[in-house]
Amino acid sequence: MPLSSSELRALSHASDEELMQRLQADNSEAAYTLLVRRYKSAIVNFLYRFTGNYDDALDIAQETFLRLYRYKHSYNPEQRFSTWLYTIAANLARGFYQQQQRSATVPFSALSSGQDPDEEHAWEPPDTQYLPDTRVDTTLIAQRVQAALMQLPPSFREIVILREIMELSYEEIAEITQTELGTVKSRLNRARQRLQELLRDLYEELYGNPSKQL
C-alpha cells in the first residue's frame, strides 16, 4: 500500500537517528523513505566523484540504501547516522574500485593511474557545485575538477571528496575511512597540493598568473 502524505509529514521533523530507531523498531516504510530522500543526492554525488561514472554511482548508491535497510539493526543509535551511511557507501566504492582494477577490460582502472604505490528507485543527479568561482561556466569547471579528482590516488580522492565536497569533519572522515586522524590530515594536504597543480591552468584562466602581476 502506498505511503500516505500524513505518514511522511508525521516524521518529517524527526532527526536521522530518530528515523533509524523507528526503522529498527517497526520496519517503518515512512522512516526509510525519508532517509533515502534526505541522502540520495549526497550519496550519489560522493560516489560519482569517486568513480567518475554516473551509472556506476547510481548502482552503488542503490546497493548502499539496500544495505541501510538490510543491516538496520547493526546501527548504533548513539552513532551519527550520516557517518554510518557514508561508511557503507565508501566500503562499497572501494570494493567496486578493487573489482575494476582486477578487470583489464574496464576503463575505470585506467582513470586512476596516478595511484601512489605506498597508499593504500529514482535518483537525483549529483551536485556539481565544487567550483573555484561561480562567475564562469559551471559545467566546464565541474568537468575539469572531476578529471583532476580522477588523477588522484583513490585513498586521496576519497578523503578530499569527503572533506571538500561533502564537507564532513576530520573525525567523521577518520571513522569512515578507518584511518588515524593524522593520516587523514596528511592525505588531505597532499591531495590539495596535487589538485592545485592539476588545476593551476584553470585558476590562471580565472585570476591570471600572480607571478606575472608582480
Protein backbone atom coordinates (compact mmCIF):
# COMPACT_ATOMS: atom_id res chain seq x y z
CA MET A 1 0.00 0.00 0.00
CA PRO A 2 1.46 3.39 -0.98
CA LEU A 3 2.62 5.71 1.77
CA SER A 4 0.24 8.48 2.76
CA SER A 5 1.44 12.07 2.90
CA SER A 6 0.26 12.21 6.51
CA GLU A 7 2.68 9.41 7.47
CA LEU A 8 5.58 11.27 5.92
CA ARG A 9 4.57 14.58 7.46
CA ALA A 10 4.34 12.99 10.89
CA LEU A 11 8.00 12.01 10.71
CA SER A 12 9.36 14.85 8.63
CA HIS A 13 10.83 16.73 11.60
CA ALA A 14 12.45 13.68 13.17
CA SER A 15 16.24 13.52 13.21
CA ASP A 16 18.10 10.94 11.14
CA GLU A 17 18.88 9.00 14.29
CA GLU A 18 15.23 9.02 15.37
CA LEU A 19 14.17 7.76 11.95
CA MET A 20 16.66 4.91 12.20
CA GLN A 21 15.31 3.94 15.61
CA ARG A 22 11.82 3.94 14.15
CA LEU A 23 13.02 1.79 11.26
CA GLN A 24 14.67 -0.63 13.67
CA ALA A 25 11.58 -0.82 15.87
CA ASP A 26 8.83 -1.50 13.33
CA ASN A 27 10.31 -1.51 9.80
CA SER A 28 8.70 1.87 9.19
CA GLU A 29 8.44 2.43 5.45
CA ALA A 30 7.92 6.14 6.04
CA ALA A 31 11.14 6.40 8.07
CA TYR A 32 13.10 4.57 5.39
CA THR A 33 11.63 6.70 2.60
CA LEU A 34 12.56 9.92 4.40
CA LEU A 35 16.14 8.76 5.00
CA VAL A 36 16.54 7.88 1.32
CA ARG A 37 15.10 11.25 0.28
CA ARG A 38 17.45 13.11 2.60
CA TYR A 39 20.63 11.37 1.48
CA LYS A 40 20.19 10.02 -2.03
CA SER A 41 21.56 13.12 -3.79
CA ALA A 42 24.57 13.42 -1.46
CA ILE A 43 25.42 9.72 -1.68
CA VAL A 44 25.15 9.68 -5.48
CA ASN A 45 27.32 12.80 -5.63
CA PHE A 46 30.00 11.23 -3.42
CA LEU A 47 30.00 8.03 -5.45
CA TYR A 48 30.03 9.86 -8.78
CA ARG A 49 33.02 11.92 -7.69
CA PHE A 50 34.83 8.76 -6.60
CA THR A 51 34.04 6.53 -9.59
CA GLY A 52 33.82 9.19 -12.30
CA ASN A 53 30.84 7.36 -13.79
CA TYR A 54 27.23 8.35 -13.13
CA ASP A 55 25.71 4.94 -13.91
CA ASP A 56 28.16 3.21 -11.58
CA ALA A 57 27.37 5.79 -8.90
CA LEU A 58 23.65 5.06 -9.22
CA ASP A 59 24.20 1.31 -8.94
CA ILE A 60 26.40 1.63 -5.86
CA ALA A 61 24.01 4.13 -4.29
CA GLN A 62 21.11 1.73 -4.74
CA GLU A 63 23.12 -1.01 -3.05
CA THR A 64 24.02 1.43 -0.25
CA PHE A 65 20.37 2.06 0.57
CA LEU A 66 19.51 -1.63 0.28
CA ARG A 67 22.18 -2.31 2.88
CA LEU A 68 20.86 0.51 5.04
CA TYR A 69 17.62 -1.44 5.31
CA ARG A 70 19.13 -4.93 5.41
CA TYR A 71 21.61 -4.09 8.17
CA LYS A 72 19.48 -1.55 10.06
CA HIS A 73 19.87 -3.47 13.32
CA SER A 74 23.66 -3.11 13.20
CA TYR A 75 23.28 0.67 13.51
CA ASN A 76 24.08 2.05 16.98
CA PRO A 77 21.64 4.87 17.85
CA GLU A 78 24.48 6.69 19.62
CA GLN A 79 26.39 6.92 16.34
CA ARG A 80 25.81 9.74 13.88
CA PHE A 81 23.66 8.32 11.10
CA SER A 82 25.38 10.17 8.26
CA THR A 83 28.76 8.75 9.28
CA TRP A 84 27.33 5.22 9.34
CA LEU A 85 25.73 5.65 5.91
CA TYR A 86 28.84 7.16 4.31
CA THR A 87 30.85 4.26 5.72
CA ILE A 88 28.60 1.81 3.87
CA ALA A 89 28.88 3.80 0.64
CA ALA A 90 32.66 4.21 0.95
CA ASN A 91 33.20 0.49 1.59
CA LEU A 92 31.13 -0.37 -1.47
CA ALA A 93 33.02 2.20 -3.56
CA ARG A 94 36.38 0.75 -2.52
CA GLY A 95 35.16 -2.74 -3.31
CA PHE A 96 33.96 -1.56 -6.71
CA TYR A 97 37.33 0.05 -7.44
CA GLN A 98 39.23 -3.10 -6.46
CA GLN A 99 36.97 -5.20 -8.66
CA GLN A 100 37.53 -2.90 -11.63
CA GLN A 101 41.28 -2.96 -11.00
CA ARG A 102 41.19 -6.72 -11.48
CA SER A 103 39.42 -6.37 -14.82
CA ALA A 104 41.67 -5.20 -17.65
CA THR A 105 38.64 -4.52 -19.86
CA VAL A 106 37.12 -1.85 -17.62
CA PRO A 107 38.39 1.69 -18.29
CA PHE A 108 37.84 2.89 -14.73
CA SER A 109 41.16 1.42 -13.59
CA ALA A 110 42.99 3.48 -16.18
CA LEU A 111 41.42 6.63 -14.80
CA SER A 112 43.24 6.13 -11.51
CA SER A 113 46.72 5.65 -12.94
CA GLY A 114 48.10 8.21 -10.50
CA GLN A 115 47.79 5.84 -7.57
CA ASP A 116 50.59 6.11 -5.05
CA PRO A 117 52.07 2.60 -4.60
CA ASP A 118 52.68 3.38 -0.94
CA GLU A 119 48.97 4.25 -0.22
CA GLU A 120 46.52 2.05 0.23
CA HIS A 121 14.23 3.90 -7.33
CA ALA A 122 14.72 7.30 -8.92
CA TRP A 123 17.87 9.16 -8.22
CA GLU A 124 18.63 12.84 -8.45
CA PRO A 125 21.67 13.93 -10.48
CA PRO A 126 24.80 14.67 -8.45
CA ASP A 127 25.53 18.14 -7.20
CA THR A 128 28.26 19.90 -9.22
CA GLN A 129 28.85 22.93 -7.04
CA TYR A 130 32.53 22.32 -6.25
CA LEU A 131 33.61 25.45 -8.06
CA PRO A 132 36.65 27.76 -7.91
CA ASP A 133 34.42 30.63 -8.97
CA THR A 134 30.72 30.94 -9.80
CA ARG A 135 31.30 33.64 -12.42
CA VAL A 136 32.33 31.20 -15.11
CA ASP A 137 30.73 28.26 -16.84
CA THR A 138 29.83 25.76 -14.14
CA THR A 139 29.71 22.72 -16.41
CA LEU A 140 33.21 23.30 -17.77
CA ILE A 141 34.69 23.78 -14.31
CA ALA A 142 32.89 20.73 -12.92
CA GLN A 143 34.33 18.62 -15.74
CA ARG A 144 37.84 19.95 -15.17
CA VAL A 145 37.65 19.37 -11.43
CA GLN A 146 36.29 15.85 -11.90
CA ALA A 147 39.08 15.00 -14.34
CA ALA A 148 41.62 16.23 -11.78
CA LEU A 149 39.99 14.20 -9.00
CA MET A 150 40.27 11.05 -11.08
CA GLN A 151 44.04 11.55 -11.32
CA LEU A 152 44.42 11.32 -7.54
CA PRO A 153 45.20 8.00 -5.80
CA PRO A 154 41.89 6.51 -4.58
CA SER A 155 42.80 6.96 -0.91
CA PHE A 156 43.48 10.66 -1.52
CA ARG A 157 40.45 11.14 -3.76
CA GLU A 158 38.10 9.65 -1.18
CA ILE A 159 39.32 11.94 1.58
CA VAL A 160 39.33 15.14 -0.46
CA ILE A 161 35.79 14.44 -1.69
CA LEU A 162 34.52 13.78 1.83
CA ARG A 163 36.16 16.94 3.16
CA GLU A 164 35.95 19.50 0.36
CA ILE A 165 32.74 18.45 -1.38
CA MET A 166 30.71 16.62 1.25
CA GLU A 167 32.07 18.93 3.99
CA LEU A 168 32.45 16.24 6.65
CA SER A 169 34.61 16.74 9.72
CA TYR A 170 38.08 15.25 10.06
CA GLU A 171 36.75 12.98 12.80
CA GLU A 172 33.93 11.68 10.60
CA ILE A 173 36.34 11.06 7.73
CA ALA A 174 38.72 9.15 10.01
CA GLU A 175 35.83 6.91 11.08
CA ILE A 176 34.53 6.39 7.55
CA THR A 177 37.95 5.60 6.08
CA GLN A 178 39.11 3.70 9.17
CA THR A 179 42.34 5.69 9.35
CA GLU A 180 44.07 7.73 12.02
CA LEU A 181 43.20 11.42 12.27
CA GLY A 182 46.78 12.40 11.46
CA THR A 183 46.72 10.23 8.34
CA VAL A 184 43.50 11.90 7.20
CA LYS A 185 45.05 15.35 7.52
CA SER A 186 48.28 14.29 5.82
CA ARG A 187 46.49 12.70 2.86
CA LEU A 188 44.16 15.67 2.56
CA ASN A 189 47.08 18.09 2.48
CA ARG A 190 48.81 16.07 -0.24
CA ALA A 191 45.58 15.76 -2.21
CA ARG A 192 45.02 19.51 -2.07
CA GLN A 193 48.56 20.17 -3.27
CA ARG A 194 48.13 17.76 -6.16
CA LEU A 195 44.78 19.30 -7.14
CA GLN A 196 46.35 22.76 -7.11
CA GLU A 197 48.99 21.51 -9.54
CA LEU A 198 46.45 19.82 -11.79
CA LEU A 199 44.11 22.83 -11.81
CA ARG A 200 46.76 25.56 -11.95
CA ASP A 201 45.90 26.47 -15.55
CA LEU A 202 42.23 26.79 -14.61
CA TYR A 203 42.99 29.23 -11.83
CA GLU A 204 45.28 31.19 -14.11
CA GLU A 205 42.42 31.47 -16.61
CA LEU A 206 40.19 32.88 -13.87
CA TYR A 207 42.60 35.08 -11.97
CA GLY A 208 45.68 35.42 -14.14
CA ASN A 209 49.21 34.35 -13.25
CA PRO A 210 50.16 36.09 -9.97
CA SER A 211 53.87 35.94 -10.81
CA LYS A 212 53.23 37.99 -13.96
CA GLN A 213 51.41 40.67 -11.97
CA LEU A 214 54.36 41.45 -9.70
